[in-house]
Amino acid sequence: MDTRVTGSGTYRVGGEVALQQQMKLTLTIGNERAQTFDSGLVGVEGSFPEIDIAMSMNGMSCFDTVIDIRSKPVSTPYALSASTYDEGCFAPCLCPIREWPVAGSLDLVPLPNAATPIREEFAVVDVVWTTISTSPPPDRQFTGFGTYQIVRKESTSQHRMVLDLTEVNSGAAYRFDSGAVAGGGEFPRIDIDIAVNGFACFDRAFSLHAAPSQ
């Protein structure tokens, strides 16, 4: 079963005589409470920007949880086009829905360890989206990260996007989820709708249209 791990922290690397590195992240694993993982200051294997490091909650002694990271830059930059952000009352509720054009970018990183013959999975990182207003209220910016998945079966395909976004202006955090819906056949182009509340009653939703910017 897939387990969602989210969080943030710091990574540092350097040294005058011998290179050393340290990664320290505060992570939420599944529905558990957030925990701090720390590698401590250790030697560098390979050369940056590739990262090979293990970090743990308890210094790798006694009972512990360890996360071993091996990574390198492989992301594909994407740009939004003709995308929108809606906020208001969806059916069955009745109240006005406001819509703003949205511009911005994201990066897509393939997750080969999560792939199968019928499924592709990607990390969505460096999300920076801004609404474009022609009148008050002022433009709003959203940042965050998440996942994008495509499942292909014979002549059909489904895709799903889940993003944890923070509205920078207010500091409010939301999880947007498309659910598993028909689509993904035009990949690497992405056309998908994501919402906080399943597109029902008062909700926030993005209608996303994105393609590689290079």
N, C-alpha and C. Protein backbone atom coordinates (compact mmCIF):
# COMPACT_ATOMS: atom_id res chain seq x y z
N MET A 1 0.84 -1.19 0.00
CA MET A 1 0.00 0.00 0.00
C MET A 1 0.87 1.24 0.00
N ASP A 2 0.54 2.22 -0.86
CA ASP A 2 1.29 3.46 -0.91
C ASP A 2 1.07 4.27 0.36
N THR A 3 2.13 4.90 0.85
CA THR A 3 2.04 5.77 2.03
C THR A 3 2.51 7.16 1.64
N ARG A 4 1.70 8.16 1.93
CA ARG A 4 2.03 9.54 1.58
C ARG A 4 2.91 10.15 2.67
N VAL A 5 4.05 10.70 2.25
CA VAL A 5 4.98 11.37 3.16
C VAL A 5 5.12 12.82 2.71
N THR A 6 4.84 13.77 3.60
CA THR A 6 4.93 15.19 3.27
C THR A 6 5.72 15.92 4.33
N GLY A 7 6.30 17.04 3.95
CA GLY A 7 7.03 17.84 4.93
C GLY A 7 8.07 18.72 4.26
N SER A 8 8.94 19.27 5.08
CA SER A 8 9.97 20.18 4.58
C SER A 8 11.11 20.24 5.58
N GLY A 9 12.19 20.90 5.18
CA GLY A 9 13.33 21.02 6.07
C GLY A 9 14.52 21.62 5.36
N THR A 10 15.71 21.19 5.76
CA THR A 10 16.94 21.78 5.21
C THR A 10 17.91 20.69 4.77
N TYR A 11 18.75 21.05 3.79
CA TYR A 11 19.86 20.20 3.37
C TYR A 11 21.08 21.11 3.19
N ARG A 12 22.20 20.72 3.77
CA ARG A 12 23.42 21.51 3.62
C ARG A 12 24.57 20.60 3.26
N VAL A 13 25.50 21.12 2.46
CA VAL A 13 26.66 20.36 2.04
C VAL A 13 27.84 21.30 1.89
N GLY A 14 29.03 20.86 2.29
CA GLY A 14 30.23 21.68 2.18
C GLY A 14 31.34 21.16 3.07
N GLY A 15 32.41 21.91 3.16
CA GLY A 15 33.55 21.51 3.99
C GLY A 15 34.85 21.97 3.37
N GLU A 16 35.82 22.32 4.21
CA GLU A 16 37.11 22.79 3.73
C GLU A 16 38.04 21.65 3.36
N VAL A 17 38.07 20.59 4.17
CA VAL A 17 38.99 19.46 3.93
C VAL A 17 38.25 18.32 3.24
N ALA A 18 37.16 17.89 3.85
CA ALA A 18 36.35 16.80 3.29
C ALA A 18 34.90 17.24 3.27
N LEU A 19 34.21 16.93 2.17
CA LEU A 19 32.81 17.30 2.06
C LEU A 19 31.96 16.54 3.07
N GLN A 20 31.05 17.27 3.72
CA GLN A 20 30.07 16.65 4.61
C GLN A 20 28.69 17.20 4.27
N GLN A 21 27.68 16.44 4.68
CA GLN A 21 26.31 16.83 4.38
C GLN A 21 25.41 16.53 5.57
N GLN A 22 24.28 17.23 5.61
CA GLN A 22 23.28 16.98 6.64
C GLN A 22 21.90 17.31 6.09
N MET A 23 20.94 16.40 6.31
CA MET A 23 19.56 16.65 5.95
C MET A 23 18.70 16.54 7.21
N LYS A 24 17.84 17.52 7.42
CA LYS A 24 16.96 17.54 8.57
C LYS A 24 15.56 17.94 8.10
N LEU A 25 14.60 17.02 8.21
CA LEU A 25 13.25 17.25 7.71
C LEU A 25 12.21 16.96 8.79
N THR A 26 11.17 17.75 8.81
CA THR A 26 10.00 17.45 9.63
C THR A 26 8.94 16.86 8.71
N LEU A 27 8.60 15.58 8.94
CA LEU A 27 7.77 14.82 8.00
C LEU A 27 6.52 14.27 8.68
N THR A 28 5.44 14.21 7.90
CA THR A 28 4.22 13.53 8.31
C THR A 28 4.07 12.30 7.44
N ILE A 29 4.06 11.12 8.06
CA ILE A 29 3.94 9.85 7.35
C ILE A 29 2.51 9.35 7.50
N GLY A 30 1.78 9.29 6.38
CA GLY A 30 0.38 8.90 6.45
C GLY A 30 -0.40 9.84 7.33
N ASN A 31 -1.13 9.30 8.30
CA ASN A 31 -1.92 10.11 9.21
C ASN A 31 -1.25 10.29 10.57
N GLU A 32 0.02 9.90 10.69
CA GLU A 32 0.72 10.03 11.95
C GLU A 32 1.10 11.49 12.19
N ARG A 33 1.44 11.80 13.43
CA ARG A 33 1.85 13.17 13.75
C ARG A 33 3.24 13.43 13.17
N ALA A 34 3.54 14.70 12.93
CA ALA A 34 4.82 15.08 12.34
C ALA A 34 5.98 14.71 13.25
N GLN A 35 7.06 14.21 12.64
CA GLN A 35 8.28 13.82 13.36
C GLN A 35 9.49 14.42 12.65
N THR A 36 10.55 14.68 13.42
CA THR A 36 11.77 15.23 12.84
C THR A 36 12.76 14.11 12.53
N PHE A 37 13.24 14.09 11.30
CA PHE A 37 14.25 13.13 10.85
C PHE A 37 15.55 13.90 10.60
N ASP A 38 16.67 13.35 11.11
CA ASP A 38 17.95 14.05 11.00
C ASP A 38 19.04 13.03 10.66
N SER A 39 19.84 13.37 9.65
CA SER A 39 20.95 12.48 9.27
C SER A 39 22.17 12.69 10.16
N GLY A 40 22.23 13.86 10.82
CA GLY A 40 23.48 14.25 11.45
C GLY A 40 24.48 14.65 10.36
N LEU A 41 25.63 15.09 10.75
CA LEU A 41 26.66 15.49 9.81
C LEU A 41 27.45 14.26 9.37
N VAL A 42 27.35 13.90 8.08
CA VAL A 42 27.95 12.67 7.57
C VAL A 42 28.71 12.96 6.28
N GLY A 43 29.55 12.01 5.88
CA GLY A 43 30.31 12.15 4.65
C GLY A 43 29.43 12.12 3.41
N VAL A 44 29.96 12.65 2.32
CA VAL A 44 29.23 12.75 1.06
C VAL A 44 29.61 11.59 0.15
N GLU A 45 28.58 10.89 -0.35
CA GLU A 45 28.78 9.86 -1.36
C GLU A 45 28.35 10.43 -2.70
N GLY A 46 29.24 10.40 -3.69
CA GLY A 46 28.91 10.98 -4.98
C GLY A 46 29.14 12.47 -4.98
N SER A 47 28.50 13.20 -5.90
CA SER A 47 28.71 14.64 -6.03
C SER A 47 27.38 15.35 -6.19
N PHE A 48 27.24 16.47 -5.48
CA PHE A 48 26.03 17.27 -5.55
C PHE A 48 25.84 17.77 -6.98
N PRO A 49 24.63 17.82 -7.57
CA PRO A 49 23.33 17.80 -6.90
C PRO A 49 22.75 16.42 -6.61
N GLU A 50 23.45 15.33 -6.93
CA GLU A 50 22.95 14.02 -6.51
C GLU A 50 23.07 13.92 -4.98
N ILE A 51 22.07 13.29 -4.36
CA ILE A 51 22.03 13.16 -2.90
C ILE A 51 21.87 11.70 -2.53
N ASP A 52 22.73 11.22 -1.64
CA ASP A 52 22.66 9.86 -1.10
C ASP A 52 22.85 9.98 0.40
N ILE A 53 21.75 9.85 1.15
CA ILE A 53 21.83 10.11 2.59
C ILE A 53 20.70 9.37 3.30
N ALA A 54 20.97 8.96 4.54
CA ALA A 54 19.96 8.31 5.38
C ALA A 54 19.72 9.17 6.61
N MET A 55 18.47 9.29 7.01
CA MET A 55 18.15 10.08 8.20
C MET A 55 17.13 9.31 9.03
N SER A 56 17.11 9.58 10.33
CA SER A 56 16.25 8.82 11.24
C SER A 56 15.72 9.73 12.33
N MET A 57 14.76 9.18 13.11
CA MET A 57 14.18 9.93 14.22
C MET A 57 15.02 9.80 15.49
N ASN A 58 15.77 8.68 15.62
CA ASN A 58 16.41 8.37 16.90
C ASN A 58 17.90 8.09 16.75
N GLY A 59 18.53 8.73 15.75
CA GLY A 59 19.98 8.57 15.59
C GLY A 59 20.40 7.17 15.21
N MET A 60 19.47 6.38 14.64
CA MET A 60 19.76 5.01 14.19
C MET A 60 20.24 4.13 15.34
N SER A 61 19.60 4.27 16.48
CA SER A 61 19.91 3.41 17.63
C SER A 61 18.60 2.97 18.28
N CYS A 62 18.65 1.78 18.92
CA CYS A 62 17.44 1.21 19.54
C CYS A 62 16.32 1.14 18.50
N PHE A 63 15.06 1.25 18.95
CA PHE A 63 13.93 1.22 18.01
C PHE A 63 13.89 2.53 17.25
N ASP A 64 13.86 2.47 15.91
CA ASP A 64 13.98 3.68 15.12
C ASP A 64 13.26 3.52 13.79
N THR A 65 13.01 4.65 13.13
CA THR A 65 12.50 4.69 11.76
C THR A 65 13.51 5.43 10.91
N VAL A 66 13.93 4.81 9.80
CA VAL A 66 14.98 5.36 8.95
C VAL A 66 14.44 5.59 7.54
N ILE A 67 14.76 6.73 6.98
CA ILE A 67 14.44 7.03 5.58
C ILE A 67 15.75 7.20 4.83
N ASP A 68 15.96 6.38 3.79
CA ASP A 68 17.18 6.39 2.99
C ASP A 68 16.87 7.06 1.66
N ILE A 69 17.52 8.17 1.38
CA ILE A 69 17.21 8.97 0.20
C ILE A 69 18.34 8.88 -0.82
N ARG A 70 17.97 8.54 -2.05
CA ARG A 70 18.89 8.60 -3.19
C ARG A 70 18.17 9.37 -4.29
N SER A 71 18.68 10.55 -4.61
CA SER A 71 17.96 11.40 -5.55
C SER A 71 18.93 12.16 -6.46
N LYS A 72 18.38 12.61 -7.60
CA LYS A 72 19.11 13.47 -8.52
C LYS A 72 18.10 14.28 -9.32
N PRO A 73 18.52 15.43 -9.85
CA PRO A 73 17.56 16.27 -10.59
C PRO A 73 17.08 15.58 -11.86
N VAL A 74 15.77 15.42 -11.98
CA VAL A 74 15.18 14.82 -13.19
C VAL A 74 13.85 15.49 -13.53
N SER A 75 13.58 16.64 -12.96
CA SER A 75 12.26 17.25 -13.09
C SER A 75 12.04 17.85 -14.47
N THR A 76 10.76 17.91 -14.87
CA THR A 76 10.35 18.57 -16.11
C THR A 76 9.53 19.79 -15.74
N PRO A 77 9.96 21.00 -16.15
CA PRO A 77 9.18 22.20 -15.81
C PRO A 77 7.93 22.29 -16.67
N TYR A 78 6.81 22.68 -16.05
CA TYR A 78 5.53 22.86 -16.72
C TYR A 78 5.06 24.29 -16.54
N ALA A 79 4.28 24.77 -17.52
CA ALA A 79 3.65 26.09 -17.42
C ALA A 79 2.15 25.94 -17.62
N LEU A 80 1.36 26.71 -16.86
CA LEU A 80 -0.09 26.70 -17.01
C LEU A 80 -0.51 27.55 -18.20
N SER A 81 -1.63 27.16 -18.84
CA SER A 81 -2.22 27.97 -19.90
C SER A 81 -3.73 27.82 -19.83
N ALA A 82 -4.45 28.93 -19.95
CA ALA A 82 -5.92 28.94 -19.94
C ALA A 82 -6.49 28.21 -18.72
N SER A 83 -5.82 28.32 -17.59
CA SER A 83 -6.28 27.68 -16.35
C SER A 83 -7.07 28.69 -15.52
N THR A 84 -7.92 28.16 -14.62
CA THR A 84 -8.75 29.03 -13.79
C THR A 84 -8.82 28.54 -12.36
N TYR A 85 -9.14 29.47 -11.45
CA TYR A 85 -9.39 29.16 -10.05
C TYR A 85 -10.80 29.62 -9.72
N ASP A 86 -11.64 28.71 -9.19
CA ASP A 86 -13.02 29.03 -8.83
C ASP A 86 -13.20 28.93 -7.33
N GLU A 87 -14.02 29.83 -6.78
CA GLU A 87 -14.32 29.80 -5.35
C GLU A 87 -15.76 30.22 -5.16
N GLY A 88 -16.55 29.36 -4.48
CA GLY A 88 -17.94 29.67 -4.25
C GLY A 88 -18.75 28.41 -4.04
N CYS A 89 -20.05 28.48 -4.30
CA CYS A 89 -20.95 27.37 -4.00
C CYS A 89 -21.23 26.54 -5.25
N PHE A 90 -20.82 25.30 -5.22
CA PHE A 90 -21.15 24.34 -6.26
C PHE A 90 -22.46 23.64 -5.88
N ALA A 91 -23.05 22.91 -6.84
CA ALA A 91 -24.29 22.19 -6.55
C ALA A 91 -24.10 21.22 -5.38
N PRO A 92 -25.12 21.04 -4.50
CA PRO A 92 -26.49 21.57 -4.62
C PRO A 92 -26.68 22.95 -4.00
N CYS A 93 -25.63 23.55 -3.48
CA CYS A 93 -25.77 24.87 -2.87
C CYS A 93 -25.96 25.93 -3.95
N LEU A 94 -26.48 27.07 -3.55
CA LEU A 94 -26.74 28.14 -4.49
C LEU A 94 -26.15 29.44 -3.96
N CYS A 95 -25.05 29.85 -4.54
CA CYS A 95 -24.46 31.16 -4.26
C CYS A 95 -23.46 31.43 -5.37
N PRO A 96 -23.08 32.67 -5.56
CA PRO A 96 -22.22 32.99 -6.71
C PRO A 96 -20.86 32.27 -6.63
N ILE A 97 -20.37 31.87 -7.79
CA ILE A 97 -19.01 31.34 -7.92
C ILE A 97 -18.16 32.39 -8.62
N ARG A 98 -17.06 32.77 -8.00
CA ARG A 98 -16.13 33.71 -8.64
C ARG A 98 -15.04 32.92 -9.33
N GLU A 99 -14.61 33.41 -10.47
CA GLU A 99 -13.58 32.72 -11.24
C GLU A 99 -12.47 33.70 -11.61
N TRP A 100 -11.22 33.25 -11.41
CA TRP A 100 -10.05 34.03 -11.77
C TRP A 100 -9.18 33.24 -12.75
N PRO A 101 -8.63 33.88 -13.76
CA PRO A 101 -7.57 33.22 -14.54
C PRO A 101 -6.36 32.97 -13.64
N VAL A 102 -5.63 31.90 -13.92
CA VAL A 102 -4.46 31.53 -13.12
C VAL A 102 -3.26 31.35 -14.05
N ALA A 103 -2.12 31.88 -13.63
CA ALA A 103 -0.86 31.68 -14.34
C ALA A 103 0.15 31.10 -13.36
N GLY A 104 1.15 30.41 -13.88
CA GLY A 104 2.18 29.87 -12.99
C GLY A 104 2.87 28.66 -13.56
N SER A 105 3.54 27.94 -12.68
CA SER A 105 4.36 26.82 -13.12
C SER A 105 4.40 25.74 -12.05
N LEU A 106 4.90 24.59 -12.44
CA LEU A 106 5.15 23.46 -11.55
C LEU A 106 6.22 22.60 -12.19
N ASP A 107 6.80 21.72 -11.40
CA ASP A 107 7.76 20.74 -11.91
C ASP A 107 7.23 19.34 -11.67
N LEU A 108 7.43 18.46 -12.64
CA LEU A 108 6.99 17.08 -12.53
C LEU A 108 8.23 16.18 -12.46
N VAL A 109 8.28 15.32 -11.43
CA VAL A 109 9.43 14.44 -11.21
C VAL A 109 8.95 12.99 -11.26
N PRO A 110 9.41 12.17 -12.20
CA PRO A 110 8.98 10.76 -12.25
C PRO A 110 9.44 9.99 -11.03
N LEU A 111 8.57 9.09 -10.53
CA LEU A 111 8.89 8.24 -9.39
C LEU A 111 8.98 6.79 -9.89
N PRO A 112 10.15 6.38 -10.39
CA PRO A 112 10.26 5.06 -11.01
C PRO A 112 9.97 3.91 -10.05
N ASN A 113 10.26 4.08 -8.77
CA ASN A 113 10.01 3.00 -7.80
C ASN A 113 8.53 2.76 -7.58
N ALA A 114 7.69 3.74 -7.94
CA ALA A 114 6.24 3.59 -7.77
C ALA A 114 5.54 3.16 -9.06
N ALA A 115 6.31 3.03 -10.15
CA ALA A 115 5.72 2.71 -11.44
C ALA A 115 5.47 1.21 -11.59
N THR A 116 4.45 0.88 -12.38
CA THR A 116 4.15 -0.51 -12.76
C THR A 116 3.91 -0.52 -14.27
N PRO A 117 3.70 -1.70 -14.87
CA PRO A 117 3.45 -1.72 -16.32
C PRO A 117 2.26 -0.89 -16.76
N ILE A 118 1.29 -0.64 -15.87
CA ILE A 118 0.11 0.14 -16.27
C ILE A 118 0.03 1.49 -15.57
N ARG A 119 0.94 1.78 -14.66
CA ARG A 119 0.83 3.01 -13.88
C ARG A 119 2.12 3.81 -13.94
N GLU A 120 1.97 5.12 -14.11
CA GLU A 120 3.08 6.06 -13.97
C GLU A 120 2.74 7.00 -12.82
N GLU A 121 3.75 7.32 -12.01
CA GLU A 121 3.50 8.23 -10.88
C GLU A 121 4.60 9.28 -10.85
N PHE A 122 4.21 10.49 -10.47
CA PHE A 122 5.11 11.63 -10.47
C PHE A 122 4.93 12.43 -9.18
N ALA A 123 6.02 13.01 -8.70
CA ALA A 123 5.93 14.04 -7.67
C ALA A 123 5.70 15.37 -8.37
N VAL A 124 4.81 16.16 -7.81
CA VAL A 124 4.56 17.52 -8.30
C VAL A 124 5.22 18.47 -7.30
N VAL A 125 6.20 19.24 -7.75
CA VAL A 125 6.96 20.09 -6.83
C VAL A 125 7.03 21.52 -7.38
N ASP A 126 7.44 22.41 -6.49
CA ASP A 126 7.65 23.82 -6.86
C ASP A 126 6.43 24.44 -7.54
N VAL A 127 5.25 24.15 -6.99
CA VAL A 127 4.03 24.78 -7.50
C VAL A 127 4.02 26.26 -7.09
N VAL A 128 3.90 27.13 -8.07
CA VAL A 128 3.74 28.57 -7.81
C VAL A 128 2.69 29.09 -8.79
N TRP A 129 1.47 29.32 -8.30
CA TRP A 129 0.36 29.77 -9.12
C TRP A 129 -0.18 31.08 -8.58
N THR A 130 -0.54 31.99 -9.48
CA THR A 130 -1.06 33.29 -9.08
C THR A 130 -2.33 33.60 -9.85
N THR A 131 -3.39 34.00 -9.13
CA THR A 131 -4.61 34.44 -9.80
C THR A 131 -4.36 35.81 -10.44
N ILE A 132 -5.07 36.06 -11.53
CA ILE A 132 -4.91 37.33 -12.25
C ILE A 132 -6.22 38.10 -12.11
N SER A 133 -6.20 39.15 -11.32
CA SER A 133 -7.41 39.92 -11.01
C SER A 133 -7.47 41.18 -11.86
N THR A 134 -8.68 41.55 -12.28
CA THR A 134 -8.89 42.83 -12.95
C THR A 134 -9.52 43.85 -12.01
N SER A 135 -9.92 43.39 -10.82
CA SER A 135 -10.51 44.28 -9.81
C SER A 135 -10.25 43.66 -8.45
N PRO A 136 -10.43 44.41 -7.33
CA PRO A 136 -10.24 43.82 -6.00
C PRO A 136 -11.08 42.58 -5.83
N PRO A 137 -10.71 41.58 -5.00
CA PRO A 137 -9.52 41.59 -4.15
C PRO A 137 -8.23 41.41 -4.94
N PRO A 138 -7.08 41.63 -4.30
CA PRO A 138 -5.81 41.54 -5.01
C PRO A 138 -5.50 40.10 -5.43
N ASP A 139 -4.50 39.98 -6.30
CA ASP A 139 -4.07 38.66 -6.76
C ASP A 139 -3.67 37.79 -5.57
N ARG A 140 -3.91 36.48 -5.71
CA ARG A 140 -3.61 35.52 -4.64
C ARG A 140 -2.61 34.51 -5.19
N GLN A 141 -1.64 34.14 -4.35
CA GLN A 141 -0.62 33.19 -4.78
C GLN A 141 -0.76 31.89 -3.99
N PHE A 142 -0.60 30.75 -4.69
CA PHE A 142 -0.65 29.43 -4.10
C PHE A 142 0.69 28.72 -4.36
N THR A 143 1.21 28.10 -3.31
CA THR A 143 2.44 27.32 -3.45
C THR A 143 2.25 25.95 -2.81
N GLY A 144 3.06 24.97 -3.23
CA GLY A 144 2.94 23.66 -2.61
C GLY A 144 3.51 22.54 -3.46
N PHE A 145 2.97 21.33 -3.22
CA PHE A 145 3.53 20.12 -3.83
C PHE A 145 2.49 19.01 -3.75
N GLY A 146 2.77 17.87 -4.38
CA GLY A 146 1.84 16.75 -4.32
C GLY A 146 2.23 15.64 -5.25
N THR A 147 1.23 14.93 -5.80
CA THR A 147 1.49 13.79 -6.67
C THR A 147 0.54 13.82 -7.87
N TYR A 148 0.99 13.18 -8.96
CA TYR A 148 0.17 13.00 -10.16
C TYR A 148 0.37 11.57 -10.64
N GLN A 149 -0.74 10.88 -10.95
CA GLN A 149 -0.69 9.47 -11.30
C GLN A 149 -1.53 9.21 -12.54
N ILE A 150 -1.02 8.34 -13.43
CA ILE A 150 -1.76 7.91 -14.61
C ILE A 150 -1.85 6.39 -14.58
N VAL A 151 -3.04 5.84 -14.77
CA VAL A 151 -3.25 4.40 -14.84
C VAL A 151 -3.88 4.09 -16.19
N ARG A 152 -3.22 3.23 -16.97
CA ARG A 152 -3.70 2.88 -18.31
C ARG A 152 -4.17 1.44 -18.33
N LYS A 153 -5.39 1.22 -18.84
CA LYS A 153 -5.95 -0.12 -18.96
C LYS A 153 -6.56 -0.27 -20.35
N GLU A 154 -5.93 -1.13 -21.17
CA GLU A 154 -6.39 -1.36 -22.53
C GLU A 154 -6.56 -0.03 -23.26
N SER A 155 -7.78 0.32 -23.67
CA SER A 155 -7.98 1.54 -24.47
C SER A 155 -8.38 2.74 -23.63
N THR A 156 -8.43 2.59 -22.29
CA THR A 156 -8.85 3.69 -21.43
C THR A 156 -7.71 4.08 -20.49
N SER A 157 -7.84 5.25 -19.91
CA SER A 157 -6.87 5.69 -18.92
C SER A 157 -7.55 6.58 -17.91
N GLN A 158 -7.03 6.57 -16.69
CA GLN A 158 -7.47 7.46 -15.62
C GLN A 158 -6.26 8.18 -15.05
N HIS A 159 -6.50 9.37 -14.51
CA HIS A 159 -5.41 10.07 -13.84
C HIS A 159 -5.95 10.72 -12.57
N ARG A 160 -5.01 11.07 -11.69
CA ARG A 160 -5.37 11.68 -10.42
C ARG A 160 -4.26 12.62 -9.98
N MET A 161 -4.65 13.79 -9.50
CA MET A 161 -3.70 14.75 -8.94
C MET A 161 -4.14 15.12 -7.54
N VAL A 162 -3.19 15.07 -6.60
CA VAL A 162 -3.42 15.47 -5.21
C VAL A 162 -2.35 16.48 -4.84
N LEU A 163 -2.77 17.68 -4.45
CA LEU A 163 -1.81 18.74 -4.13
C LEU A 163 -2.11 19.33 -2.75
N ASP A 164 -1.07 19.54 -1.97
CA ASP A 164 -1.15 20.30 -0.71
C ASP A 164 -0.67 21.71 -1.01
N LEU A 165 -1.61 22.65 -1.02
CA LEU A 165 -1.31 24.03 -1.40
C LEU A 165 -1.56 24.98 -0.25
N THR A 166 -0.71 25.99 -0.15
CA THR A 166 -0.86 27.05 0.83
C THR A 166 -1.15 28.36 0.10
N GLU A 167 -2.21 29.03 0.52
CA GLU A 167 -2.48 30.35 -0.02
C GLU A 167 -1.58 31.35 0.70
N VAL A 168 -0.60 31.88 -0.01
CA VAL A 168 0.45 32.68 0.62
C VAL A 168 -0.14 33.90 1.31
N ASN A 169 -1.16 34.53 0.72
CA ASN A 169 -1.71 35.76 1.26
C ASN A 169 -2.27 35.57 2.66
N SER A 170 -2.99 34.45 2.89
CA SER A 170 -3.64 34.22 4.18
C SER A 170 -2.92 33.20 5.05
N GLY A 171 -2.04 32.38 4.45
CA GLY A 171 -1.39 31.31 5.19
C GLY A 171 -2.24 30.06 5.32
N ALA A 172 -3.45 30.05 4.76
CA ALA A 172 -4.35 28.90 4.86
C ALA A 172 -3.85 27.76 3.98
N ALA A 173 -3.94 26.53 4.49
CA ALA A 173 -3.47 25.35 3.76
C ALA A 173 -4.66 24.48 3.37
N TYR A 174 -4.62 23.95 2.15
CA TYR A 174 -5.72 23.13 1.64
C TYR A 174 -5.14 21.93 0.88
N ARG A 175 -5.91 20.83 0.89
CA ARG A 175 -5.58 19.68 0.04
C ARG A 175 -6.57 19.63 -1.11
N PHE A 176 -6.06 19.75 -2.32
CA PHE A 176 -6.86 19.67 -3.54
C PHE A 176 -6.70 18.28 -4.13
N ASP A 177 -7.82 17.65 -4.51
CA ASP A 177 -7.80 16.27 -5.01
C ASP A 177 -8.77 16.16 -6.17
N SER A 178 -8.30 15.62 -7.28
CA SER A 178 -9.17 15.42 -8.44
C SER A 178 -10.02 14.17 -8.30
N GLY A 179 -9.58 13.23 -7.45
CA GLY A 179 -10.12 11.88 -7.49
C GLY A 179 -9.61 11.19 -8.74
N ALA A 180 -9.85 9.89 -8.87
CA ALA A 180 -9.46 9.14 -10.07
C ALA A 180 -10.51 9.38 -11.14
N VAL A 181 -10.13 10.10 -12.19
CA VAL A 181 -11.07 10.49 -13.24
C VAL A 181 -10.51 10.12 -14.61
N ALA A 182 -11.38 10.04 -15.60
CA ALA A 182 -10.94 9.73 -16.96
C ALA A 182 -9.97 10.80 -17.46
N GLY A 183 -8.89 10.38 -18.12
CA GLY A 183 -7.92 11.33 -18.65
C GLY A 183 -6.52 10.77 -18.56
N GLY A 184 -5.56 11.57 -18.96
CA GLY A 184 -4.17 11.15 -18.95
C GLY A 184 -3.69 10.65 -20.30
N GLY A 185 -4.61 10.49 -21.26
CA GLY A 185 -4.23 9.97 -22.56
C GLY A 185 -3.41 10.92 -23.40
N GLU A 186 -3.45 12.23 -23.06
CA GLU A 186 -2.70 13.23 -23.82
C GLU A 186 -1.37 13.58 -23.15
N PHE A 187 -0.98 12.80 -22.11
CA PHE A 187 0.26 13.10 -21.40
C PHE A 187 1.43 13.12 -22.41
N PRO A 188 2.37 14.08 -22.32
CA PRO A 188 2.71 14.90 -21.15
C PRO A 188 1.84 16.13 -20.92
N ARG A 189 0.89 16.42 -21.80
CA ARG A 189 -0.04 17.49 -21.47
C ARG A 189 -0.95 17.01 -20.34
N ILE A 190 -1.29 17.93 -19.43
CA ILE A 190 -2.16 17.62 -18.29
C ILE A 190 -3.37 18.53 -18.32
N ASP A 191 -4.56 17.93 -18.35
CA ASP A 191 -5.82 18.66 -18.26
C ASP A 191 -6.65 17.99 -17.16
N ILE A 192 -6.81 18.68 -16.03
CA ILE A 192 -7.47 18.05 -14.89
C ILE A 192 -8.06 19.11 -13.96
N ASP A 193 -9.16 18.78 -13.28
CA ASP A 193 -9.79 19.66 -12.30
C ASP A 193 -9.54 19.10 -10.90
N ILE A 194 -9.13 19.96 -9.97
CA ILE A 194 -8.88 19.54 -8.60
C ILE A 194 -9.66 20.46 -7.65
N ALA A 195 -10.16 19.90 -6.55
CA ALA A 195 -10.96 20.68 -5.61
C ALA A 195 -10.70 20.23 -4.18
N VAL A 196 -11.08 21.07 -3.24
CA VAL A 196 -10.89 20.78 -1.81
C VAL A 196 -12.02 19.89 -1.29
N ASN A 197 -13.25 20.13 -1.78
CA ASN A 197 -14.43 19.50 -1.19
C ASN A 197 -15.20 18.66 -2.20
N GLY A 198 -14.51 18.11 -3.20
CA GLY A 198 -15.17 17.23 -4.16
C GLY A 198 -16.15 17.92 -5.07
N PHE A 199 -15.96 19.24 -5.31
CA PHE A 199 -16.84 20.01 -6.20
C PHE A 199 -18.28 20.03 -5.70
N ALA A 200 -18.48 20.15 -4.39
CA ALA A 200 -19.82 20.20 -3.81
C ALA A 200 -19.88 21.31 -2.76
N CYS A 201 -21.08 21.94 -2.66
CA CYS A 201 -21.30 23.02 -1.70
C CYS A 201 -20.21 24.07 -1.83
N PHE A 202 -19.85 24.76 -0.74
CA PHE A 202 -18.82 25.78 -0.86
C PHE A 202 -17.48 25.10 -1.10
N ASP A 203 -16.80 25.48 -2.16
CA ASP A 203 -15.57 24.77 -2.51
C ASP A 203 -14.59 25.73 -3.18
N ARG A 204 -13.36 25.24 -3.26
CA ARG A 204 -12.29 25.90 -3.99
C ARG A 204 -11.79 24.91 -5.03
N ALA A 205 -11.61 25.34 -6.28
CA ALA A 205 -11.24 24.40 -7.33
C ALA A 205 -10.36 25.08 -8.38
N PHE A 206 -9.44 24.29 -8.90
CA PHE A 206 -8.63 24.72 -10.04
C PHE A 206 -9.00 23.89 -11.26
N SER A 207 -9.13 24.53 -12.39
CA SER A 207 -9.22 23.83 -13.67
C SER A 207 -7.87 24.03 -14.36
N LEU A 208 -7.07 22.96 -14.39
CA LEU A 208 -5.67 23.06 -14.80
C LEU A 208 -5.46 22.56 -16.22
N HIS A 209 -4.71 23.35 -16.96
CA HIS A 209 -4.25 22.99 -18.30
C HIS A 209 -2.77 23.34 -18.34
N ALA A 210 -1.93 22.31 -18.43
CA ALA A 210 -0.48 22.53 -18.33
C ALA A 210 0.26 21.65 -19.31
N ALA A 211 1.41 22.15 -19.76
CA ALA A 211 2.25 21.41 -20.69
C ALA A 211 3.70 21.73 -20.40
N PRO A 212 4.64 20.85 -20.80
CA PRO A 212 6.05 21.14 -20.57
C PRO A 212 6.44 22.48 -21.18
N SER A 213 7.20 23.27 -20.43
CA SER A 213 7.56 24.61 -20.89
C SER A 213 8.82 24.59 -21.73
N GLN A 214 9.47 23.42 -21.87
CA GLN A 214 10.66 23.31 -22.71
C GLN A 214 10.37 22.29 -23.80
